[in-house]
Amino acid sequence: MTTITVEEAARFIGEEIILRGWVYNKRSSGKIIFLQIRDGTGVVQGVITQSDSPSLFVTADKLSRESSVVVEGTLQADSRAPGGCELKIEQIQIIQQPSEPFPIELKAQSPGFLMDHRHLWIRTGRQVPILRIRDSVFRAIRDFFHEHGFIATEAPILTGASVEGTTTLFDIDYFGTKAYLAQSGQLYLEATAMALGKVYWIGPVFRAERSKTRKHLTEFWMAEAETAFYDHNDNMRLQEELVAYIVETVIDERGQELDYLKRDTALLREQVSLPFPRVTYDEAITMLQDSGHKISSGDDFGAPQEAALGDRFRKPVFVEYFPASMKPFYMKHVPEKPSRVLAADLIAPEGYGELIGGSQRVDTLNELEKQLDEKKLPREAYEWYLDLRRYGSVPHSGFGLGIARTIAWICGIHHIREAIPFARQINRLYP
């Protein structure tokens, strides 16, 4: 007898199999019990009839939700059942029977309650498909970079300097010296790119923003890349190819999960048709003003403005050439318009906000020293970063993609907290 997973079940119709999992739900219809068994790859319906096995029927009747079991039986074709088959259960081995009712019900419950029980909530309903899609997103990112000749590297979580401004730093005592949780791995990736040419990493970053919006997390995962000899346009081209690759991979691999989430895959494919539109920051401001938004040049985009831009283009859109005053010190200024930087944000459609921030980096020592001074940043903390411009500097560019926001957009879910196994937010450190 073969031990299988639920996602393999369709290949074993007519055969006796062993399945290990948990009781997801149970219902009774007279003298028939229907058990839904989940194993992480899917859910299959099992059937026990009282007439076939009275003792097995009694055992099944006592099972509660989330009992862990090993079941044996024969798979039968059934077009009405999920996956196209049903399991006629012939034996049940109970591994553990919960002593009290499972707290997560298969009906609407408050977000606060569900987040307090996130360790259990992830077993139910839409959470499993979302987390399986998350797996595909991570793998697609790695595959894309590997296929494009990038080398995977790492950046430290503990740093001595700011990347994205000092107001969102988490500071810690590092053996008597002040250190910070990393906001980005970018500066270190720049160093590694000077050794390896094209590099990327996927890792956690931390932002101490006091934000409670549906698009913000305190700890989240970024996919960041840095490439020697890439200019601003090369950088945007790489970004749009990556996003399209991720979405196409998820559609191909996780069609069943997207269907469960009622996500329109035809719309997703249309959204990632290349190239993505590009507008300048100044053009975007004019578009927003013309459509009734109260925004002025020099203002950053809020959620309503990002949503409006996404609605206008109905696909991801690059907004480029931001005012230098709005952006970090390491971005290269536009040569013919020094008040602007060679940077772009990629705004998602459907109100999901900024997916990617990227730029061409400053590549000369004089420029970098000047921009550090303008931002009033302590030079000593960046001496190693200045060395990258002293010894063999070249034009180079990079970007960071927010993975949770990307997953939220692909899945069509409202709140980013569902796009990561355990969300860390301004008001949430448990579980």
Protein backbone atom coordinates (compact mmCIF):
# COMPACT_ATOMS: atom_id res chain seq x y z
CA MET A 1 0.00 0.00 0.00
CA THR A 2 1.45 3.38 -1.07
CA THR A 3 1.61 6.43 1.19
CA ILE A 4 0.59 9.49 -0.81
CA THR A 5 -0.23 13.16 -0.43
CA VAL A 6 -3.55 14.75 -1.35
CA GLU A 7 -2.12 16.51 -4.39
CA GLU A 8 -1.03 13.11 -5.74
CA ALA A 9 -4.44 11.47 -5.22
CA ALA A 10 -5.72 11.76 -8.80
CA ARG A 11 -2.87 9.47 -9.94
CA PHE A 12 -3.98 6.65 -7.61
CA ILE A 13 -7.70 6.33 -8.39
CA GLY A 14 -8.81 2.74 -7.95
CA GLU A 15 -5.88 1.93 -5.65
CA GLU A 16 -5.57 1.37 -1.93
CA ILE A 17 -3.49 4.11 -0.31
CA ILE A 18 -2.32 5.52 3.03
CA LEU A 19 -2.83 9.20 3.79
CA ARG A 20 -1.45 11.10 6.79
CA GLY A 21 -3.02 14.38 7.87
CA TRP A 22 -5.58 16.18 9.99
CA VAL A 23 -9.36 16.24 10.14
CA TYR A 24 -10.29 19.55 8.53
CA ASN A 25 -14.04 19.15 8.80
CA LYS A 26 -16.65 16.49 9.49
CA ARG A 27 -20.31 16.13 8.64
CA SER A 28 -22.80 13.33 8.92
CA SER A 29 -25.67 12.37 6.65
CA GLY A 30 -27.70 9.67 8.33
CA LYS A 31 -25.54 6.58 8.39
CA ILE A 32 -22.68 8.13 6.35
CA ILE A 33 -19.84 10.25 7.75
CA PHE A 34 -17.87 12.55 5.48
CA LEU A 35 -14.39 13.43 6.72
CA GLN A 36 -12.34 16.12 5.03
CA ILE A 37 -8.68 15.27 5.49
CA ARG A 38 -6.00 17.90 4.89
CA ASP A 39 -2.27 17.30 4.70
CA GLY A 40 -0.78 20.63 3.64
CA THR A 41 -0.95 19.84 -0.07
CA GLY A 42 -4.75 19.86 -0.27
CA VAL A 43 -7.98 18.48 1.11
CA VAL A 44 -9.65 15.20 0.17
CA GLN A 45 -13.05 13.96 1.24
CA GLY A 46 -13.23 10.58 2.93
CA VAL A 47 -16.39 8.50 3.35
CA ILE A 48 -17.32 5.96 6.06
CA THR A 49 -20.64 4.11 6.02
CA GLN A 50 -22.11 2.52 9.12
CA SER A 51 -23.21 -0.58 7.25
CA ASP A 52 -19.70 -1.32 5.93
CA SER A 53 -17.93 -1.00 9.27
CA PRO A 54 -19.89 -0.18 12.45
CA SER A 55 -16.76 0.08 14.62
CA LEU A 56 -14.97 2.36 12.14
CA PHE A 57 -18.11 4.49 11.95
CA VAL A 58 -18.06 4.92 15.75
CA THR A 59 -14.35 5.85 15.66
CA ALA A 60 -14.92 8.43 12.93
CA ASP A 61 -17.94 9.86 14.71
CA LYS A 62 -15.80 10.67 17.76
CA LEU A 63 -13.16 12.57 15.78
CA SER A 64 -13.01 16.31 16.27
CA ARG A 65 -11.53 18.94 13.99
CA GLU A 66 -7.74 18.93 13.75
CA SER A 67 -7.40 15.39 15.06
CA SER A 68 -4.21 14.03 13.53
CA VAL A 69 -4.78 10.72 11.77
CA VAL A 70 -3.39 8.12 9.42
CA VAL A 71 -6.11 6.72 7.17
CA GLU A 72 -6.15 3.81 4.76
CA GLY A 73 -8.64 3.33 1.98
CA THR A 74 -9.42 3.18 -1.72
CA LEU A 75 -9.55 6.24 -3.93
CA GLN A 76 -12.63 6.46 -6.13
CA ALA A 77 -13.31 8.83 -9.02
CA ASP A 78 -15.91 11.48 -8.20
CA SER A 79 -16.27 14.52 -10.45
CA ARG A 80 -18.21 16.38 -7.74
CA ALA A 81 -15.36 16.14 -5.22
CA PRO A 82 -12.37 18.51 -5.03
CA GLY A 83 -9.53 17.00 -7.03
CA GLY A 84 -11.92 14.67 -8.82
CA CYS A 85 -11.76 11.81 -6.32
CA GLU A 86 -13.06 10.61 -2.97
CA LEU A 87 -11.50 8.27 -0.42
CA LYS A 88 -13.44 5.28 0.84
CA ILE A 89 -11.90 5.00 4.30
CA GLU A 90 -11.27 1.47 5.58
CA GLN A 91 -9.05 2.12 8.57
CA ILE A 92 -8.24 5.08 10.86
CA GLN A 93 -5.28 5.38 13.19
CA ILE A 94 -5.67 8.32 15.57
CA ILE A 95 -2.36 10.02 16.35
CA GLN A 96 -3.77 12.73 18.61
CA GLN A 97 -7.27 13.81 19.50
CA PRO A 98 -7.60 17.46 20.70
CA SER A 99 -8.94 17.70 24.24
CA GLU A 100 -11.00 20.81 23.45
CA PRO A 101 -12.67 22.34 20.38
CA PHE A 102 -10.40 23.90 17.78
CA PRO A 103 -10.74 27.69 18.24
CA ILE A 104 -10.70 28.67 14.57
CA GLU A 105 -14.16 28.10 13.16
CA LEU A 106 -14.91 27.65 9.48
CA LYS A 107 -16.87 30.89 9.39
CA ALA A 108 -16.11 34.58 9.71
CA GLN A 109 -14.24 35.63 12.88
CA SER A 110 -12.73 38.95 13.86
CA PRO A 111 -9.28 39.84 12.45
CA GLY A 112 -7.94 40.48 15.95
CA PHE A 113 -8.98 37.03 17.16
CA LEU A 114 -7.55 35.37 14.07
CA MET A 115 -4.24 37.20 14.40
CA ASP A 116 -4.02 36.26 18.10
CA HIS A 117 -4.38 32.66 16.93
CA ARG A 118 -2.26 33.00 13.80
CA HIS A 119 -0.37 29.82 14.68
CA LEU A 120 -3.67 27.96 14.23
CA TRP A 121 -5.32 30.21 11.65
CA ILE A 122 -2.66 29.30 9.06
CA ARG A 123 -4.13 25.78 8.91
CA THR A 124 -7.47 26.93 7.59
CA GLY A 125 -9.22 28.06 4.43
CA ARG A 126 -7.46 30.62 2.29
CA GLN A 127 -4.34 30.75 4.44
CA VAL A 128 -2.89 27.51 3.05
CA PRO A 129 -3.23 28.57 -0.61
CA ILE A 130 -1.67 31.95 0.18
CA LEU A 131 1.33 30.36 1.89
CA ARG A 132 1.77 27.91 -0.97
CA ILE A 133 1.75 30.83 -3.41
CA ARG A 134 4.34 32.54 -1.19
CA ASP A 135 6.58 29.51 -1.67
CA SER A 136 6.25 29.79 -5.45
CA VAL A 137 7.04 33.51 -5.35
CA PHE A 138 10.28 32.93 -3.43
CA ARG A 139 11.32 30.13 -5.76
CA ALA A 140 10.46 32.17 -8.87
CA ILE A 141 12.66 35.03 -7.66
CA ARG A 142 15.60 32.70 -7.12
CA ASP A 143 15.07 30.97 -10.46
CA PHE A 144 14.85 34.29 -12.31
CA PHE A 145 18.08 35.61 -10.89
CA HIS A 146 19.87 32.30 -11.42
CA GLU A 147 18.75 32.19 -15.05
CA HIS A 148 20.02 35.76 -15.53
CA GLY A 149 23.49 35.03 -14.17
CA PHE A 150 23.10 36.61 -10.73
CA ILE A 151 24.99 35.28 -7.71
CA ALA A 152 23.09 34.81 -4.45
CA THR A 153 24.74 36.57 -1.53
CA GLU A 154 23.86 37.84 1.94
CA ALA A 155 23.74 41.14 3.76
CA PRO A 156 24.06 41.58 7.53
CA ILE A 157 20.98 42.09 9.67
CA LEU A 158 22.98 44.16 12.18
CA THR A 159 24.42 47.36 10.74
CA GLY A 160 26.13 50.51 11.90
CA ALA A 161 24.51 52.95 9.46
CA SER A 162 21.17 53.93 7.96
CA VAL A 163 20.13 53.16 4.39
CA GLU A 164 16.60 54.57 4.20
CA GLY A 165 16.78 57.44 6.68
CA THR A 166 17.24 57.62 10.44
CA THR A 167 13.57 57.97 11.43
CA THR A 168 12.65 54.33 10.85
CA LEU A 169 15.62 52.63 12.53
CA PHE A 170 15.43 50.06 15.31
CA ASP A 171 18.51 50.67 17.42
CA ILE A 172 20.09 48.09 19.71
CA ASP A 173 23.03 47.90 22.08
CA TYR A 174 25.80 45.99 20.30
CA PHE A 175 28.32 45.26 23.07
CA GLY A 176 28.33 48.89 24.13
CA THR A 177 28.09 50.32 20.61
CA LYS A 178 24.90 51.53 19.00
CA ALA A 179 23.81 49.33 16.10
CA TYR A 180 20.65 49.00 14.05
CA LEU A 181 18.43 46.36 12.51
CA ALA A 182 18.89 46.58 8.75
CA GLN A 183 16.40 48.58 6.70
CA SER A 184 17.89 47.13 3.52
CA GLY A 185 20.84 45.06 2.38
CA GLN A 186 21.56 47.48 -0.45
CA LEU A 187 24.84 49.08 0.61
CA TYR A 188 26.41 45.68 1.21
CA LEU A 189 25.07 44.35 -2.06
CA GLU A 190 26.78 47.23 -3.83
CA ALA A 191 30.06 46.07 -2.33
CA THR A 192 29.40 42.48 -3.35
CA ALA A 193 28.43 43.56 -6.88
CA MET A 194 31.88 45.13 -7.28
CA ALA A 195 33.29 41.65 -6.62
CA LEU A 196 30.78 39.46 -8.48
CA GLY A 197 29.11 41.73 -11.04
CA LYS A 198 25.46 40.78 -10.56
CA VAL A 199 24.17 39.83 -7.11
CA TYR A 200 20.93 39.42 -5.20
CA TRP A 201 19.70 38.42 -1.78
CA ILE A 202 16.37 37.60 -0.17
CA GLY A 203 16.18 38.49 3.47
CA PRO A 204 14.30 40.22 6.29
CA VAL A 205 14.43 43.98 6.81
CA PHE A 206 13.00 46.20 9.53
CA ARG A 207 11.29 49.58 9.44
CA ALA A 208 10.17 51.38 12.60
CA GLU A 209 7.32 53.17 10.86
CA ARG A 210 4.36 53.90 13.11
CA SER A 211 1.98 52.86 10.40
CA LYS A 212 -1.16 50.76 10.78
CA THR A 213 -2.17 50.61 7.13
CA ARG A 214 -3.04 47.39 5.33
CA LYS A 215 0.18 47.69 3.29
CA HIS A 216 2.78 48.03 6.06
CA LEU A 217 4.71 45.56 8.18
CA THR A 218 7.46 46.22 10.72
CA GLU A 219 9.46 43.17 9.68
CA PHE A 220 9.19 42.00 6.09
CA TRP A 221 11.17 40.22 3.40
CA MET A 222 12.85 41.92 0.46
CA ALA A 223 14.38 40.62 -2.72
CA GLU A 224 17.19 43.02 -3.58
CA ALA A 225 19.55 43.09 -6.54
CA GLU A 226 22.60 45.13 -7.50
CA THR A 227 24.25 45.09 -10.90
CA ALA A 228 27.56 46.58 -12.03
CA PHE A 229 27.50 48.49 -15.34
CA TYR A 230 23.67 48.80 -15.31
CA ASP A 231 22.14 52.23 -15.78
CA HIS A 232 18.70 53.47 -14.76
CA ASN A 233 16.95 52.07 -17.85
CA ASP A 234 18.69 48.69 -17.57
CA ASN A 235 17.50 48.59 -13.98
CA MET A 236 13.83 49.18 -14.82
CA ARG A 237 13.94 46.63 -17.61
CA LEU A 238 15.27 44.01 -15.19
CA GLN A 239 12.56 44.86 -12.64
CA GLU A 240 9.65 44.49 -15.05
CA GLU A 241 11.03 41.20 -16.37
CA LEU A 242 11.33 39.90 -12.79
CA VAL A 243 7.76 40.88 -11.87
CA ALA A 244 6.35 39.33 -15.04
CA TYR A 245 8.34 36.14 -14.42
CA ILE A 246 7.05 35.86 -10.84
CA VAL A 247 3.42 36.31 -11.84
CA GLU A 248 3.61 33.92 -14.80
CA THR A 249 5.31 31.29 -12.61
CA VAL A 250 2.65 31.53 -9.91
CA ILE A 251 -0.16 31.27 -12.48
CA ASP A 252 1.47 28.19 -14.01
CA GLU A 253 2.27 26.49 -10.69
CA ARG A 254 -0.56 27.60 -8.44
CA GLY A 255 -3.61 27.81 -10.66
CA GLN A 256 -5.66 25.73 -8.22
CA GLU A 257 -4.73 27.99 -5.30
CA LEU A 258 -5.49 31.16 -7.27
CA ASP A 259 -8.81 29.67 -8.30
CA TYR A 260 -9.61 28.96 -4.63
CA LEU A 261 -8.85 32.62 -3.86
CA LYS A 262 -11.11 33.62 -6.79
CA ARG A 263 -8.23 35.49 -8.43
CA ASP A 264 -8.68 36.41 -12.10
CA THR A 265 -5.57 34.92 -13.71
CA ALA A 266 -6.44 36.35 -17.13
CA LEU A 267 -6.35 39.81 -15.56
CA LEU A 268 -3.00 39.06 -13.91
CA ARG A 269 -1.50 37.94 -17.24
CA GLU A 270 -2.77 41.10 -18.89
CA GLN A 271 -1.32 43.25 -16.10
CA VAL A 272 2.19 41.85 -16.55
CA SER A 273 2.36 42.10 -20.33
CA LEU A 274 5.59 43.96 -21.11
CA PRO A 275 6.69 46.68 -21.20
CA PHE A 276 5.24 48.45 -18.16
CA PRO A 277 4.28 52.11 -18.66
CA ARG A 278 6.64 54.81 -17.42
CA VAL A 279 5.82 58.34 -16.31
CA THR A 280 7.96 60.97 -14.68
CA TYR A 281 7.22 62.19 -11.19
CA ASP A 282 6.22 65.58 -12.62
CA GLU A 283 3.85 63.94 -15.12
CA ALA A 284 2.32 61.86 -12.33
CA ILE A 285 1.74 64.98 -10.21
CA THR A 286 -0.02 66.67 -13.13
CA MET A 287 -2.18 63.58 -13.78
CA LEU A 288 -3.21 63.46 -10.14
CA GLN A 289 -3.96 67.16 -9.96
CA ASP A 290 -6.05 66.94 -13.13
CA SER A 291 -8.09 64.12 -11.57
CA GLY A 292 -8.84 66.13 -8.43
CA HIS A 293 -6.11 65.07 -6.00
CA LYS A 294 -4.71 67.74 -3.69
CA ILE A 295 -1.01 67.20 -4.24
CA SER A 296 1.90 69.49 -5.07
CA SER A 297 5.35 69.00 -6.52
CA GLY A 298 7.60 67.78 -3.73
CA ASP A 299 4.85 65.78 -2.05
CA ASP A 300 5.15 62.02 -1.71
CA PHE A 301 2.38 59.77 -2.96
CA GLY A 302 -0.06 58.43 -0.41
CA ALA A 303 -2.27 55.39 -0.81
CA PRO A 304 -5.03 57.26 -2.70
CA GLN A 305 -2.53 58.70 -5.19
CA GLU A 306 -0.84 55.32 -5.76
CA ALA A 307 -4.24 53.70 -6.25
CA ALA A 308 -5.22 56.40 -8.76
CA LEU A 309 -2.05 55.84 -10.79
CA GLY A 310 -2.63 52.08 -10.77
CA ASP A 311 -6.24 52.57 -11.87
CA ARG A 312 -5.18 54.88 -14.69
CA PHE A 313 -2.76 52.40 -16.26
CA ARG A 314 -4.38 49.15 -15.03
CA LYS A 315 -0.99 47.50 -14.70
CA PRO A 316 2.25 48.16 -12.83
CA VAL A 317 3.60 51.61 -13.69
CA PHE A 318 7.05 53.10 -13.15
CA VAL A 319 7.18 56.62 -11.71
CA GLU A 320 10.69 57.94 -12.33
CA TYR A 321 12.88 61.02 -11.82
CA PHE A 322 11.79 61.93 -8.30
CA PRO A 323 12.99 65.14 -6.62
CA ALA A 324 16.35 64.50 -4.99
CA SER A 325 15.04 66.03 -1.75
CA MET A 326 12.60 63.11 -1.37
CA LYS A 327 15.08 60.30 -1.84
CA PRO A 328 18.08 58.81 0.04
CA PHE A 329 21.67 60.01 -0.31
CA TYR A 330 22.95 57.19 -2.52
CA MET A 331 20.89 57.93 -5.64
CA LYS A 332 22.56 59.46 -8.69
CA HIS A 333 21.24 62.80 -9.84
CA VAL A 334 19.97 63.27 -13.39
CA PRO A 335 22.93 64.95 -15.14
CA GLU A 336 20.79 67.38 -17.16
CA LYS A 337 18.45 68.08 -14.23
CA PRO A 338 20.34 67.78 -10.91
CA SER A 339 17.23 68.44 -8.82
CA ARG A 340 15.95 64.99 -9.89
CA VAL A 341 17.39 61.52 -9.31
CA LEU A 342 17.71 58.47 -11.56
CA ALA A 343 15.21 56.54 -9.51
CA ALA A 344 11.87 54.84 -10.06
CA ASP A 345 9.12 53.33 -7.94
CA LEU A 346 7.03 50.55 -9.43
CA ILE A 347 3.39 51.06 -8.42
CA ALA A 348 1.07 48.04 -8.52
CA PRO A 349 -2.45 48.16 -9.94
CA GLU A 350 -5.61 47.60 -7.86
CA GLY A 351 -4.42 49.77 -4.99
CA TYR A 352 -1.55 47.56 -3.77
CA GLY A 353 0.94 50.41 -3.73
CA GLU A 354 4.68 50.43 -4.29
CA LEU A 355 6.16 47.03 -5.12
CA ILE A 356 9.70 48.11 -5.96
CA GLY A 357 11.98 51.02 -5.26
CA GLY A 358 15.13 51.25 -7.33
CA SER A 359 17.75 53.64 -8.62
CA GLN A 360 21.04 54.13 -10.33
CA ARG A 361 23.58 54.67 -7.56
CA VAL A 362 26.06 57.49 -7.13
CA ASP A 363 29.32 56.25 -8.67
CA THR A 364 31.88 59.02 -7.99
CA LEU A 365 33.55 59.89 -4.72
CA ASN A 366 32.91 63.62 -4.95
CA GLU A 367 29.18 63.16 -5.57
CA LEU A 368 28.78 60.74 -2.69
CA GLU A 369 30.71 62.92 -0.23
CA LYS A 370 28.59 65.91 -1.22
CA GLN A 371 25.33 64.03 -0.83
CA LEU A 372 26.29 62.63 2.56
CA ASP A 373 26.97 66.19 3.70
CA GLU A 374 23.67 67.43 2.28
CA LYS A 375 21.76 64.76 4.21
CA LYS A 376 23.85 65.52 7.34
CA LEU A 377 24.93 61.90 7.73
CA PRO A 378 28.08 61.00 9.74
CA ARG A 379 30.85 60.31 7.25
CA GLU A 380 32.77 57.93 9.50
CA ALA A 381 29.93 55.38 9.42
CA TYR A 382 30.13 55.30 5.63
CA GLU A 383 33.89 55.26 5.05
CA TRP A 384 33.76 51.67 3.81
CA TYR A 385 30.95 52.68 1.43
CA LEU A 386 33.06 55.60 0.18
CA ASP A 387 35.84 53.10 -0.54
CA LEU A 388 33.63 51.56 -3.21
CA ARG A 389 33.98 54.87 -5.11
CA ARG A 390 37.71 55.14 -4.44
CA TYR A 391 38.70 51.80 -5.91
CA GLY A 392 37.36 50.85 -9.33
CA SER A 393 33.92 52.45 -9.20
CA VAL A 394 31.59 51.87 -12.13
CA PRO A 395 28.02 52.90 -12.99
CA HIS A 396 25.71 50.53 -11.15
CA SER A 397 22.05 50.17 -10.23
CA GLY A 398 19.78 48.15 -7.99
CA PHE A 399 16.38 47.76 -6.46
CA GLY A 400 14.38 46.14 -3.68
CA LEU A 401 11.10 44.27 -4.16
CA GLY A 402 8.70 43.95 -1.23
CA ILE A 403 7.71 40.29 -1.28
CA ALA A 404 4.63 40.50 0.94
CA ARG A 405 3.09 43.30 -1.13
CA THR A 406 3.80 41.34 -4.28
CA ILE A 407 2.09 38.27 -2.82
CA ALA A 408 -0.88 40.33 -1.64
CA TRP A 409 -1.35 41.72 -5.16
CA ILE A 410 -1.00 38.34 -6.86
CA CYS A 411 -3.44 36.72 -4.44
CA GLY A 412 -5.86 39.64 -4.48
CA ILE A 413 -6.00 39.78 -0.67
CA HIS A 414 -6.92 42.93 1.18
CA HIS A 415 -4.40 43.01 4.02
CA ILE A 416 -0.68 42.33 3.88
CA ARG A 417 -0.78 40.47 7.22
CA GLU A 418 -2.10 37.39 5.36
CA ALA A 419 0.86 37.41 2.96
CA ILE A 420 3.44 36.42 5.58
CA PRO A 421 3.29 33.51 8.04
CA PHE A 422 3.63 35.64 11.19
CA ALA A 423 3.10 39.36 10.75
CA ARG A 424 5.03 41.86 12.82
CA GLN A 425 3.17 45.15 13.07
CA ILE A 426 3.27 48.22 15.28
CA ASN A 427 0.74 46.59 17.65
CA ARG A 428 1.60 42.92 17.17
CA LEU A 429 4.49 40.84 18.47
CA TYR A 430 2.43 37.74 19.41
CA PRO A 431 2.40 34.94 18.49
